[in-house]
Amino acid sequence: FAGNIFATLIVPFIDQIFVMGLIVNNLLMKENSGRVIISGGLLYPLFH
């Protein structure tokens, strides 16, 4: 149960804050929506 809670709540929380919050939000948010979406999509699997 603890493992599943970790996988469904803790991991997504930390994951998104780092990749989207720290990286994407501070590097790409000034770009247009299309570039942000494409770049975010490519960065996410790259980080993992």
ModelCIF file with pLDDT and N, C-alpha, C, O atoms, coordinates in Angstrom:
data_MODEL
#
_entry.id   MODEL 
#
_entity.id                         1 
_entity.type                       polymer 
_entity.pdbx_number_of_molecules   1 
#
_entity_poly.entity_id                      1 
_entity_poly.type                           'polypeptide(L)' 
_entity_poly.nstd_linkage                   no 
_entity_poly.nstd_monomer                   no 
_entity_poly.pdbx_seq_one_letter_code       FAGNIFATLIVPFIDQIFVMGLIVNNLLMKENSGRVIISGGLLYPLFH 
_entity_poly.pdbx_seq_one_letter_code_can   FAGNIFATLIVPFIDQIFVMGLIVNNLLMKENSGRVIISGGLLYPLFH 
_entity_poly.pdbx_strand_id                 A 
#
loop_
_entity_poly_seq.entity_id 
_entity_poly_seq.num 
_entity_poly_seq.mon_id 
_entity_poly_seq.hetero 
1 1  PHE n 
1 2  ALA n 
1 3  GLY n 
1 4  ASN n 
1 5  ILE n 
1 6  PHE n 
1 7  ALA n 
1 8  THR n 
1 9  LEU n 
1 10 ILE n 
1 11 VAL n 
1 12 PRO n 
1 13 PHE n 
1 14 ILE n 
1 15 ASP n 
1 16 GLN n 
1 17 ILE n 
1 18 PHE n 
1 19 VAL n 
1 20 MET n 
1 21 GLY n 
1 22 LEU n 
1 23 ILE n 
1 24 VAL n 
1 25 ASN n 
1 26 ASN n 
1 27 LEU n 
1 28 LEU n 
1 29 MET n 
1 30 LYS n 
1 31 GLU n 
1 32 ASN n 
1 33 SER n 
1 34 GLY n 
1 35 ARG n 
1 36 VAL n 
1 37 ILE n 
1 38 ILE n 
1 39 SER n 
1 40 GLY n 
1 41 GLY n 
1 42 LEU n 
1 43 LEU n 
1 44 TYR n 
1 45 PRO n 
1 46 LEU n 
1 47 PHE n 
1 48 HIS n 
#
_struct_asym.id          A 
_struct_asym.entity_id   1 
#
loop_
_ma_qa_metric.id 
_ma_qa_metric.mode 
_ma_qa_metric.name 
_ma_qa_metric.software_group_id 
_ma_qa_metric.type 
1 global pLDDT . pLDDT 
2 local  pLDDT . pLDDT 
#
_ma_qa_metric_global.metric_id      1 
_ma_qa_metric_global.metric_value   91.08 
_ma_qa_metric_global.model_id       1 
_ma_qa_metric_global.ordinal_id     1 
#
loop_
_ma_qa_metric_local.label_asym_id 
_ma_qa_metric_local.label_comp_id 
_ma_qa_metric_local.label_seq_id 
_ma_qa_metric_local.metric_id 
_ma_qa_metric_local.metric_value 
_ma_qa_metric_local.model_id 
_ma_qa_metric_local.ordinal_id 
A PHE 1  2 80.00 1 1  
A ALA 2  2 84.00 1 2  
A GLY 3  2 82.00 1 3  
A ASN 4  2 86.00 1 4  
A ILE 5  2 90.00 1 5  
A PHE 6  2 90.00 1 6  
A ALA 7  2 88.00 1 7  
A THR 8  2 93.00 1 8  
A LEU 9  2 95.00 1 9  
A ILE 10 2 95.00 1 10 
A VAL 11 2 94.00 1 11 
A PRO 12 2 96.00 1 12 
A PHE 13 2 97.00 1 13 
A ILE 14 2 97.00 1 14 
A ASP 15 2 96.00 1 15 
A GLN 16 2 97.00 1 16 
A ILE 17 2 97.00 1 17 
A PHE 18 2 97.00 1 18 
A VAL 19 2 96.00 1 19 
A MET 20 2 96.00 1 20 
A GLY 21 2 96.00 1 21 
A LEU 22 2 96.00 1 22 
A ILE 23 2 95.00 1 23 
A VAL 24 2 95.00 1 24 
A ASN 25 2 93.00 1 25 
A ASN 26 2 91.00 1 26 
A LEU 27 2 89.00 1 27 
A LEU 28 2 86.00 1 28 
A MET 29 2 81.00 1 29 
A LYS 30 2 82.00 1 30 
A GLU 31 2 84.00 1 31 
A ASN 32 2 89.00 1 32 
A SER 33 2 89.00 1 33 
A GLY 34 2 91.00 1 34 
A ARG 35 2 91.00 1 35 
A VAL 36 2 92.00 1 36 
A ILE 37 2 93.00 1 37 
A ILE 38 2 93.00 1 38 
A SER 39 2 92.00 1 39 
A GLY 40 2 90.00 1 40 
A GLY 41 2 91.00 1 41 
A LEU 42 2 92.00 1 42 
A LEU 43 2 91.00 1 43 
A TYR 44 2 90.00 1 44 
A PRO 45 2 90.00 1 45 
A LEU 46 2 90.00 1 46 
A PHE 47 2 90.00 1 47 
A HIS 48 2 84.00 1 48 
#
loop_
_atom_site.group_PDB 
_atom_site.id 
_atom_site.type_symbol 
_atom_site.label_atom_id 
_atom_site.label_alt_id 
_atom_site.label_comp_id 
_atom_site.label_asym_id 
_atom_site.label_entity_id 
_atom_site.label_seq_id 
_atom_site.pdbx_PDB_ins_code 
_atom_site.Cartn_x 
_atom_site.Cartn_y 
_atom_site.Cartn_z 
_atom_site.occupancy 
_atom_site.B_iso_or_equiv 
_atom_site.pdbx_formal_charge 
_atom_site.auth_seq_id 
_atom_site.auth_comp_id 
_atom_site.auth_asym_id 
_atom_site.auth_atom_id 
_atom_site.pdbx_PDB_model_num 
ATOM 1   N N  . PHE A 1 1  ? 0.831  -1.202 0.000   1.00 80.00 ? 1  PHE A N  1 
ATOM 2   C CA . PHE A 1 1  ? 0.000  0.000  0.000   1.00 80.00 ? 1  PHE A CA 1 
ATOM 3   C C  . PHE A 1 1  ? 0.867  1.253  0.000   1.00 80.00 ? 1  PHE A C  1 
ATOM 4   O O  . PHE A 1 1  ? 0.599  2.200  -0.739  1.00 80.00 ? 1  PHE A O  1 
ATOM 5   N N  . ALA A 1 2  ? 1.901  1.254  0.827   1.00 84.00 ? 2  ALA A N  1 
ATOM 6   C CA . ALA A 1 2  ? 2.803  2.411  0.902   1.00 84.00 ? 2  ALA A CA 1 
ATOM 7   C C  . ALA A 1 2  ? 3.499  2.655  -0.436  1.00 84.00 ? 2  ALA A C  1 
ATOM 8   O O  . ALA A 1 2  ? 3.684  3.798  -0.852  1.00 84.00 ? 2  ALA A O  1 
ATOM 9   N N  . GLY A 1 3  ? 3.881  1.572  -1.099  1.00 82.00 ? 3  GLY A N  1 
ATOM 10  C CA . GLY A 1 3  ? 4.542  1.701  -2.400  1.00 82.00 ? 3  GLY A CA 1 
ATOM 11  C C  . GLY A 1 3  ? 3.638  2.314  -3.444  1.00 82.00 ? 3  GLY A C  1 
ATOM 12  O O  . GLY A 1 3  ? 4.072  3.126  -4.260  1.00 82.00 ? 3  GLY A O  1 
ATOM 13  N N  . ASN A 1 4  ? 2.370  1.916  -3.412  1.00 86.00 ? 4  ASN A N  1 
ATOM 14  C CA . ASN A 1 4  ? 1.422  2.457  -4.383  1.00 86.00 ? 4  ASN A CA 1 
ATOM 15  C C  . ASN A 1 4  ? 1.085  3.922  -4.100  1.00 86.00 ? 4  ASN A C  1 
ATOM 16  O O  . ASN A 1 4  ? 0.894  4.710  -5.026  1.00 86.00 ? 4  ASN A O  1 
ATOM 17  N N  . ILE A 1 5  ? 1.012  4.282  -2.820  1.00 90.00 ? 5  ILE A N  1 
ATOM 18  C CA . ILE A 1 5  ? 0.789  5.681  -2.451  1.00 90.00 ? 5  ILE A CA 1 
ATOM 19  C C  . ILE A 1 5  ? 1.957  6.535  -2.929  1.00 90.00 ? 5  ILE A C  1 
ATOM 20  O O  . ILE A 1 5  ? 1.768  7.630  -3.459  1.00 90.00 ? 5  ILE A O  1 
ATOM 21  N N  . PHE A 1 6  ? 3.152  6.023  -2.736  1.00 90.00 ? 6  PHE A N  1 
ATOM 22  C CA . PHE A 1 6  ? 4.357  6.726  -3.176  1.00 90.00 ? 6  PHE A CA 1 
ATOM 23  C C  . PHE A 1 6  ? 4.343  6.919  -4.690  1.00 90.00 ? 6  PHE A C  1 
ATOM 24  O O  . PHE A 1 6  ? 4.663  7.999  -5.186  1.00 90.00 ? 6  PHE A O  1 
ATOM 25  N N  . ALA A 1 7  ? 3.972  5.874  -5.417  1.00 88.00 ? 7  ALA A N  1 
ATOM 26  C CA . ALA A 1 7  ? 3.992  5.924  -6.883  1.00 88.00 ? 7  ALA A CA 1 
ATOM 27  C C  . ALA A 1 7  ? 2.904  6.818  -7.458  1.00 88.00 ? 7  ALA A C  1 
ATOM 28  O O  . ALA A 1 7  ? 3.099  7.429  -8.508  1.00 88.00 ? 7  ALA A O  1 
ATOM 29  N N  . THR A 1 8  ? 1.761  6.902  -6.784  1.00 93.00 ? 8  THR A N  1 
ATOM 30  C CA . THR A 1 8  ? 0.641  7.661  -7.340  1.00 93.00 ? 8  THR A CA 1 
ATOM 31  C C  . THR A 1 8  ? 0.533  9.096  -6.837  1.00 93.00 ? 8  THR A C  1 
ATOM 32  O O  . THR A 1 8  ? -0.122 9.923  -7.472  1.00 93.00 ? 8  THR A O  1 
ATOM 33  N N  . LEU A 1 9  ? 1.164  9.402  -5.709  1.00 95.00 ? 9  LEU A N  1 
ATOM 34  C CA . LEU A 1 9  ? 1.049  10.754 -5.149  1.00 95.00 ? 9  LEU A CA 1 
ATOM 35  C C  . LEU A 1 9  ? 2.397  11.477 -5.043  1.00 95.00 ? 9  LEU A C  1 
ATOM 36  O O  . LEU A 1 9  ? 2.557  12.588 -5.547  1.00 95.00 ? 9  LEU A O  1 
ATOM 37  N N  . ILE A 1 10 ? 3.348  10.840 -4.392  1.00 95.00 ? 10 ILE A N  1 
ATOM 38  C CA . ILE A 1 10 ? 4.634  11.497 -4.129  1.00 95.00 ? 10 ILE A CA 1 
ATOM 39  C C  . ILE A 1 10 ? 5.451  11.674 -5.405  1.00 95.00 ? 10 ILE A C  1 
ATOM 40  O O  . ILE A 1 10 ? 5.957  12.763 -5.675  1.00 95.00 ? 10 ILE A O  1 
ATOM 41  N N  . VAL A 1 11 ? 5.581  10.608 -6.186  1.00 94.00 ? 11 VAL A N  1 
ATOM 42  C CA . VAL A 1 11 ? 6.381  10.681 -7.414  1.00 94.00 ? 11 VAL A CA 1 
ATOM 43  C C  . VAL A 1 11 ? 5.842  11.723 -8.395  1.00 94.00 ? 11 VAL A C  1 
ATOM 44  O O  . VAL A 1 11 ? 6.621  12.550 -8.868  1.00 94.00 ? 11 VAL A O  1 
ATOM 45  N N  . PRO A 1 12 ? 4.546  11.722 -8.722  1.00 96.00 ? 12 PRO A N  1 
ATOM 46  C CA . PRO A 1 12 ? 4.034  12.761 -9.625  1.00 96.00 ? 12 PRO A CA 1 
ATOM 47  C C  . PRO A 1 12 ? 4.238  14.175 -9.090  1.00 96.00 ? 12 PRO A C  1 
ATOM 48  O O  . PRO A 1 12 ? 4.550  15.089 -9.854  1.00 96.00 ? 12 PRO A O  1 
ATOM 49  N N  . PHE A 1 13 ? 4.064  14.360 -7.789  1.00 97.00 ? 13 PHE A N  1 
ATOM 50  C CA . PHE A 1 13 ? 4.221  15.678 -7.175  1.00 97.00 ? 13 PHE A CA 1 
ATOM 51  C C  . PHE A 1 13 ? 5.644  16.209 -7.364  1.00 97.00 ? 13 PHE A C  1 
ATOM 52  O O  . PHE A 1 13 ? 5.832  17.330 -7.837  1.00 97.00 ? 13 PHE A O  1 
ATOM 53  N N  . ILE A 1 14 ? 6.643  15.406 -6.996  1.00 97.00 ? 14 ILE A N  1 
ATOM 54  C CA . ILE A 1 14 ? 8.036  15.827 -7.104  1.00 97.00 ? 14 ILE A CA 1 
ATOM 55  C C  . ILE A 1 14 ? 8.450  15.943 -8.571  1.00 97.00 ? 14 ILE A C  1 
ATOM 56  O O  . ILE A 1 14 ? 9.133  16.889 -8.963  1.00 97.00 ? 14 ILE A O  1 
ATOM 57  N N  . ASP A 1 15 ? 8.033  14.982 -9.358  1.00 96.00 ? 15 ASP A N  1 
ATOM 58  C CA . ASP A 1 15 ? 8.363  14.928 -10.778 1.00 96.00 ? 15 ASP A CA 1 
ATOM 59  C C  . ASP A 1 15 ? 7.930  16.199 -11.508 1.00 96.00 ? 15 ASP A C  1 
ATOM 60  O O  . ASP A 1 15 ? 8.719  16.819 -12.221 1.00 96.00 ? 15 ASP A O  1 
ATOM 61  N N  . GLN A 1 16 ? 6.686  16.569 -11.322 1.00 97.00 ? 16 GLN A N  1 
ATOM 62  C CA . GLN A 1 16 ? 6.135  17.721 -12.029 1.00 97.00 ? 16 GLN A CA 1 
ATOM 63  C C  . GLN A 1 16 ? 6.747  19.034 -11.544 1.00 97.00 ? 16 GLN A C  1 
ATOM 64  O O  . GLN A 1 16 ? 7.006  19.933 -12.345 1.00 97.00 ? 16 GLN A O  1 
ATOM 65  N N  . ILE A 1 17 ? 6.977  19.145 -10.241 1.00 97.00 ? 17 ILE A N  1 
ATOM 66  C CA . ILE A 1 17 ? 7.552  20.387 -9.724  1.00 97.00 ? 17 ILE A CA 1 
ATOM 67  C C  . ILE A 1 17 ? 8.957  20.596 -10.284 1.00 97.00 ? 17 ILE A C  1 
ATOM 68  O O  . ILE A 1 17 ? 9.339  21.721 -10.605 1.00 97.00 ? 17 ILE A O  1 
ATOM 69  N N  . PHE A 1 18 ? 9.722  19.516 -10.402 1.00 97.00 ? 18 PHE A N  1 
ATOM 70  C CA . PHE A 1 18 ? 11.088 19.653 -10.920 1.00 97.00 ? 18 PHE A CA 1 
ATOM 71  C C  . PHE A 1 18 ? 11.086 19.909 -12.427 1.00 97.00 ? 18 PHE A C  1 
ATOM 72  O O  . PHE A 1 18 ? 11.619 20.918 -12.889 1.00 97.00 ? 18 PHE A O  1 
ATOM 73  N N  . VAL A 1 19 ? 10.489 19.000 -13.188 1.00 96.00 ? 19 VAL A N  1 
ATOM 74  C CA . VAL A 1 19 ? 10.566 19.091 -14.650 1.00 96.00 ? 19 VAL A CA 1 
ATOM 75  C C  . VAL A 1 19 ? 9.768  20.275 -15.185 1.00 96.00 ? 19 VAL A C  1 
ATOM 76  O O  . VAL A 1 19 ? 10.292 21.094 -15.941 1.00 96.00 ? 19 VAL A O  1 
ATOM 77  N N  . MET A 1 20 ? 8.498  20.363 -14.791 1.00 96.00 ? 20 MET A N  1 
ATOM 78  C CA . MET A 1 20 ? 7.650  21.431 -15.323 1.00 96.00 ? 20 MET A CA 1 
ATOM 79  C C  . MET A 1 20 ? 7.812  22.739 -14.548 1.00 96.00 ? 20 MET A C  1 
ATOM 80  O O  . MET A 1 20 ? 7.883  23.815 -15.142 1.00 96.00 ? 20 MET A O  1 
ATOM 81  N N  . GLY A 1 21 ? 7.870  22.638 -13.211 1.00 96.00 ? 21 GLY A N  1 
ATOM 82  C CA . GLY A 1 21 ? 7.940  23.838 -12.389 1.00 96.00 ? 21 GLY A CA 1 
ATOM 83  C C  . GLY A 1 21 ? 9.291  24.526 -12.445 1.00 96.00 ? 21 GLY A C  1 
ATOM 84  O O  . GLY A 1 21 ? 9.376  25.729 -12.695 1.00 96.00 ? 21 GLY A O  1 
ATOM 85  N N  . LEU A 1 22 ? 10.350 23.755 -12.209 1.00 96.00 ? 22 LEU A N  1 
ATOM 86  C CA . LEU A 1 22 ? 11.686 24.345 -12.165 1.00 96.00 ? 22 LEU A CA 1 
ATOM 87  C C  . LEU A 1 22 ? 12.283 24.552 -13.557 1.00 96.00 ? 22 LEU A C  1 
ATOM 88  O O  . LEU A 1 22 ? 12.800 25.629 -13.852 1.00 96.00 ? 22 LEU A O  1 
ATOM 89  N N  . ILE A 1 23 ? 12.218 23.541 -14.406 1.00 95.00 ? 23 ILE A N  1 
ATOM 90  C CA . ILE A 1 23 ? 12.885 23.603 -15.703 1.00 95.00 ? 23 ILE A CA 1 
ATOM 91  C C  . ILE A 1 23 ? 12.035 24.318 -16.760 1.00 95.00 ? 23 ILE A C  1 
ATOM 92  O O  . ILE A 1 23 ? 12.418 25.374 -17.264 1.00 95.00 ? 23 ILE A O  1 
ATOM 93  N N  . VAL A 1 24 ? 10.890 23.737 -17.087 1.00 95.00 ? 24 VAL A N  1 
ATOM 94  C CA . VAL A 1 24 ? 10.066 24.295 -18.167 1.00 95.00 ? 24 VAL A CA 1 
ATOM 95  C C  . VAL A 1 24 ? 9.557  25.695 -17.817 1.00 95.00 ? 24 VAL A C  1 
ATOM 96  O O  . VAL A 1 24 ? 9.601  26.601 -18.648 1.00 95.00 ? 24 VAL A O  1 
ATOM 97  N N  . ASN A 1 25 ? 9.081  25.864 -16.601 1.00 93.00 ? 25 ASN A N  1 
ATOM 98  C CA . ASN A 1 25 ? 8.499  27.151 -16.210 1.00 93.00 ? 25 ASN A CA 1 
ATOM 99  C C  . ASN A 1 25 ? 9.518  28.289 -16.239 1.00 93.00 ? 25 ASN A C  1 
ATOM 100 O O  . ASN A 1 25 ? 9.151  29.445 -16.450 1.00 93.00 ? 25 ASN A O  1 
ATOM 101 N N  . ASN A 1 26 ? 10.797 27.966 -16.027 1.00 91.00 ? 26 ASN A N  1 
ATOM 102 C CA . ASN A 1 26 ? 11.816 29.010 -15.972 1.00 91.00 ? 26 ASN A CA 1 
ATOM 103 C C  . ASN A 1 26 ? 12.654 29.124 -17.244 1.00 91.00 ? 26 ASN A C  1 
ATOM 104 O O  . ASN A 1 26 ? 13.417 30.077 -17.400 1.00 91.00 ? 26 ASN A O  1 
ATOM 105 N N  . LEU A 1 27 ? 12.517 28.164 -18.147 1.00 89.00 ? 27 LEU A N  1 
ATOM 106 C CA . LEU A 1 27 ? 13.289 28.215 -19.385 1.00 89.00 ? 27 LEU A CA 1 
ATOM 107 C C  . LEU A 1 27 ? 12.450 28.469 -20.628 1.00 89.00 ? 27 LEU A C  1 
ATOM 108 O O  . LEU A 1 27 ? 12.929 29.054 -21.599 1.00 89.00 ? 27 LEU A O  1 
ATOM 109 N N  . LEU A 1 28 ? 11.196 28.027 -20.596 1.00 86.00 ? 28 LEU A N  1 
ATOM 110 C CA . LEU A 1 28 ? 10.415 28.024 -21.838 1.00 86.00 ? 28 LEU A CA 1 
ATOM 111 C C  . LEU A 1 28 ? 9.134  28.842 -21.808 1.00 86.00 ? 28 LEU A C  1 
ATOM 112 O O  . LEU A 1 28 ? 8.510  29.020 -22.854 1.00 86.00 ? 28 LEU A O  1 
ATOM 113 N N  . MET A 1 29 ? 8.718  29.343 -20.661 1.00 81.00 ? 29 MET A N  1 
ATOM 114 C CA . MET A 1 29 ? 7.406  29.977 -20.568 1.00 81.00 ? 29 MET A CA 1 
ATOM 115 C C  . MET A 1 29 ? 7.263  31.251 -21.393 1.00 81.00 ? 29 MET A C  1 
ATOM 116 O O  . MET A 1 29 ? 6.146  31.696 -21.656 1.00 81.00 ? 29 MET A O  1 
ATOM 117 N N  . LYS A 1 30 ? 8.383  31.841 -21.804 1.00 82.00 ? 30 LYS A N  1 
ATOM 118 C CA . LYS A 1 30 ? 8.295  33.040 -22.634 1.00 82.00 ? 30 LYS A CA 1 
ATOM 119 C C  . LYS A 1 30 ? 8.079  32.701 -24.108 1.00 82.00 ? 30 LYS A C  1 
ATOM 120 O O  . LYS A 1 30 ? 7.795  33.584 -24.918 1.00 82.00 ? 30 LYS A O  1 
ATOM 121 N N  . GLU A 1 31 ? 8.214  31.427 -24.449 1.00 84.00 ? 31 GLU A N  1 
ATOM 122 C CA . GLU A 1 31 ? 7.984  30.975 -25.822 1.00 84.00 ? 31 GLU A CA 1 
ATOM 123 C C  . GLU A 1 31 ? 6.485  30.862 -26.087 1.00 84.00 ? 31 GLU A C  1 
ATOM 124 O O  . GLU A 1 31 ? 5.675  30.911 -25.161 1.00 84.00 ? 31 GLU A O  1 
ATOM 125 N N  . ASN A 1 32 ? 6.125  30.711 -27.367 1.00 89.00 ? 32 ASN A N  1 
ATOM 126 C CA . ASN A 1 32 ? 4.706  30.553 -27.693 1.00 89.00 ? 32 ASN A CA 1 
ATOM 127 C C  . ASN A 1 32 ? 4.221  29.170 -27.270 1.00 89.00 ? 32 ASN A C  1 
ATOM 128 O O  . ASN A 1 32 ? 5.022  28.281 -26.981 1.00 89.00 ? 32 ASN A O  1 
ATOM 129 N N  . SER A 1 33 ? 2.919  29.003 -27.237 1.00 89.00 ? 33 SER A N  1 
ATOM 130 C CA . SER A 1 33 ? 2.325  27.763 -26.708 1.00 89.00 ? 33 SER A CA 1 
ATOM 131 C C  . SER A 1 33 ? 2.797  26.521 -27.445 1.00 89.00 ? 33 SER A C  1 
ATOM 132 O O  . SER A 1 33 ? 3.071  25.494 -26.823 1.00 89.00 ? 33 SER A O  1 
ATOM 133 N N  . GLY A 1 34 ? 2.892  26.608 -28.760 1.00 91.00 ? 34 GLY A N  1 
ATOM 134 C CA . GLY A 1 34 ? 3.310  25.448 -29.552 1.00 91.00 ? 34 GLY A CA 1 
ATOM 135 C C  . GLY A 1 34 ? 4.697  24.969 -29.177 1.00 91.00 ? 34 GLY A C  1 
ATOM 136 O O  . GLY A 1 34 ? 4.921  23.769 -29.017 1.00 91.00 ? 34 GLY A O  1 
ATOM 137 N N  . ARG A 1 35 ? 5.629  25.896 -29.034 1.00 91.00 ? 35 ARG A N  1 
ATOM 138 C CA . ARG A 1 35 ? 6.994  25.531 -28.671 1.00 91.00 ? 35 ARG A CA 1 
ATOM 139 C C  . ARG A 1 35 ? 7.071  24.981 -27.252 1.00 91.00 ? 35 ARG A C  1 
ATOM 140 O O  . ARG A 1 35 ? 7.819  24.042 -26.980 1.00 91.00 ? 35 ARG A O  1 
ATOM 141 N N  . VAL A 1 36 ? 6.298  25.569 -26.360 1.00 92.00 ? 36 VAL A N  1 
ATOM 142 C CA . VAL A 1 36 ? 6.291  25.094 -24.972 1.00 92.00 ? 36 VAL A CA 1 
ATOM 143 C C  . VAL A 1 36 ? 5.788  23.655 -24.914 1.00 92.00 ? 36 VAL A C  1 
ATOM 144 O O  . VAL A 1 36 ? 6.380  22.816 -24.234 1.00 92.00 ? 36 VAL A O  1 
ATOM 145 N N  . ILE A 1 37 ? 4.704  23.368 -25.621 1.00 93.00 ? 37 ILE A N  1 
ATOM 146 C CA . ILE A 1 37 ? 4.110  22.027 -25.599 1.00 93.00 ? 37 ILE A CA 1 
ATOM 147 C C  . ILE A 1 37 ? 5.049  20.992 -26.207 1.00 93.00 ? 37 ILE A C  1 
ATOM 148 O O  . ILE A 1 37 ? 5.255  19.920 -25.639 1.00 93.00 ? 37 ILE A O  1 
ATOM 149 N N  . ILE A 1 38 ? 5.616  21.322 -27.369 1.00 93.00 ? 38 ILE A N  1 
ATOM 150 C CA . ILE A 1 38 ? 6.526  20.388 -28.040 1.00 93.00 ? 38 ILE A CA 1 
ATOM 151 C C  . ILE A 1 38 ? 7.798  20.178 -27.214 1.00 93.00 ? 38 ILE A C  1 
ATOM 152 O O  . ILE A 1 38 ? 8.240  19.046 -27.023 1.00 93.00 ? 38 ILE A O  1 
ATOM 153 N N  . SER A 1 39 ? 8.376  21.269 -26.730 1.00 92.00 ? 39 SER A N  1 
ATOM 154 C CA . SER A 1 39 ? 9.605  21.169 -25.934 1.00 92.00 ? 39 SER A CA 1 
ATOM 155 C C  . SER A 1 39 ? 9.367  20.411 -24.636 1.00 92.00 ? 39 SER A C  1 
ATOM 156 O O  . SER A 1 39 ? 10.181 19.579 -24.236 1.00 92.00 ? 39 SER A O  1 
ATOM 157 N N  . GLY A 1 40 ? 8.236  20.705 -23.975 1.00 90.00 ? 40 GLY A N  1 
ATOM 158 C CA . GLY A 1 40 ? 7.906  19.987 -22.746 1.00 90.00 ? 40 GLY A CA 1 
ATOM 159 C C  . GLY A 1 40 ? 7.710  18.506 -23.001 1.00 90.00 ? 40 GLY A C  1 
ATOM 160 O O  . GLY A 1 40 ? 8.120  17.668 -22.198 1.00 90.00 ? 40 GLY A O  1 
ATOM 161 N N  . GLY A 1 41 ? 7.075  18.185 -24.129 1.00 91.00 ? 41 GLY A N  1 
ATOM 162 C CA . GLY A 1 41 ? 6.862  16.790 -24.478 1.00 91.00 ? 41 GLY A CA 1 
ATOM 163 C C  . GLY A 1 41 ? 8.159  16.046 -24.721 1.00 91.00 ? 41 GLY A C  1 
ATOM 164 O O  . GLY A 1 41 ? 8.282  14.873 -24.369 1.00 91.00 ? 41 GLY A O  1 
ATOM 165 N N  . LEU A 1 42 ? 9.137  16.726 -25.327 1.00 92.00 ? 42 LEU A N  1 
ATOM 166 C CA . LEU A 1 42 ? 10.428 16.097 -25.609 1.00 92.00 ? 42 LEU A CA 1 
ATOM 167 C C  . LEU A 1 42 ? 11.306 16.021 -24.361 1.00 92.00 ? 42 LEU A C  1 
ATOM 168 O O  . LEU A 1 42 ? 12.055 15.061 -24.178 1.00 92.00 ? 42 LEU A O  1 
ATOM 169 N N  . LEU A 1 43 ? 11.211 17.034 -23.510 1.00 91.00 ? 43 LEU A N  1 
ATOM 170 C CA . LEU A 1 43 ? 12.038 17.055 -22.308 1.00 91.00 ? 43 LEU A CA 1 
ATOM 171 C C  . LEU A 1 43 ? 11.627 15.990 -21.296 1.00 91.00 ? 43 LEU A C  1 
ATOM 172 O O  . LEU A 1 43 ? 12.471 15.415 -20.609 1.00 91.00 ? 43 LEU A O  1 
ATOM 173 N N  . TYR A 1 44 ? 10.331 15.736 -21.213 1.00 90.00 ? 44 TYR A N  1 
ATOM 174 C CA . TYR A 1 44 ? 9.847  14.829 -20.177 1.00 90.00 ? 44 TYR A CA 1 
ATOM 175 C C  . TYR A 1 44 ? 10.435 13.421 -20.309 1.00 90.00 ? 44 TYR A C  1 
ATOM 176 O O  . TYR A 1 44 ? 10.991 12.914 -19.335 1.00 90.00 ? 44 TYR A O  1 
ATOM 177 N N  . PRO A 1 45 ? 10.338 12.771 -21.472 1.00 90.00 ? 45 PRO A N  1 
ATOM 178 C CA . PRO A 1 45 ? 10.970 11.446 -21.582 1.00 90.00 ? 45 PRO A CA 1 
ATOM 179 C C  . PRO A 1 45 ? 12.487 11.520 -21.492 1.00 90.00 ? 45 PRO A C  1 
ATOM 180 O O  . PRO A 1 45 ? 13.127 10.563 -21.057 1.00 90.00 ? 45 PRO A O  1 
ATOM 181 N N  . LEU A 1 46 ? 13.077 12.659 -21.904 1.00 90.00 ? 46 LEU A N  1 
ATOM 182 C CA . LEU A 1 46 ? 14.525 12.802 -21.821 1.00 90.00 ? 46 LEU A CA 1 
ATOM 183 C C  . LEU A 1 46 ? 14.992 12.770 -20.369 1.00 90.00 ? 46 LEU A C  1 
ATOM 184 O O  . LEU A 1 46 ? 16.002 12.142 -20.054 1.00 90.00 ? 46 LEU A O  1 
ATOM 185 N N  . PHE A 1 47 ? 14.261 13.442 -19.491 1.00 90.00 ? 47 PHE A N  1 
ATOM 186 C CA . PHE A 1 47 ? 14.632 13.474 -18.080 1.00 90.00 ? 47 PHE A CA 1 
ATOM 187 C C  . PHE A 1 47 ? 14.471 12.107 -17.424 1.00 90.00 ? 47 PHE A C  1 
ATOM 188 O O  . PHE A 1 47 ? 15.126 11.822 -16.420 1.00 90.00 ? 47 PHE A O  1 
ATOM 189 N N  . HIS A 1 48 ? 13.618 11.270 -17.973 1.00 84.00 ? 48 HIS A N  1 
ATOM 190 C CA . HIS A 1 48 ? 13.382 9.957  -17.374 1.00 84.00 ? 48 HIS A CA 1 
ATOM 191 C C  . HIS A 1 48 ? 14.101 8.844  -18.123 1.00 84.00 ? 48 HIS A C  1 
ATOM 192 O O  . HIS A 1 48 ? 14.001 7.678  -17.742 1.00 84.00 ? 48 HIS A O  1 
#
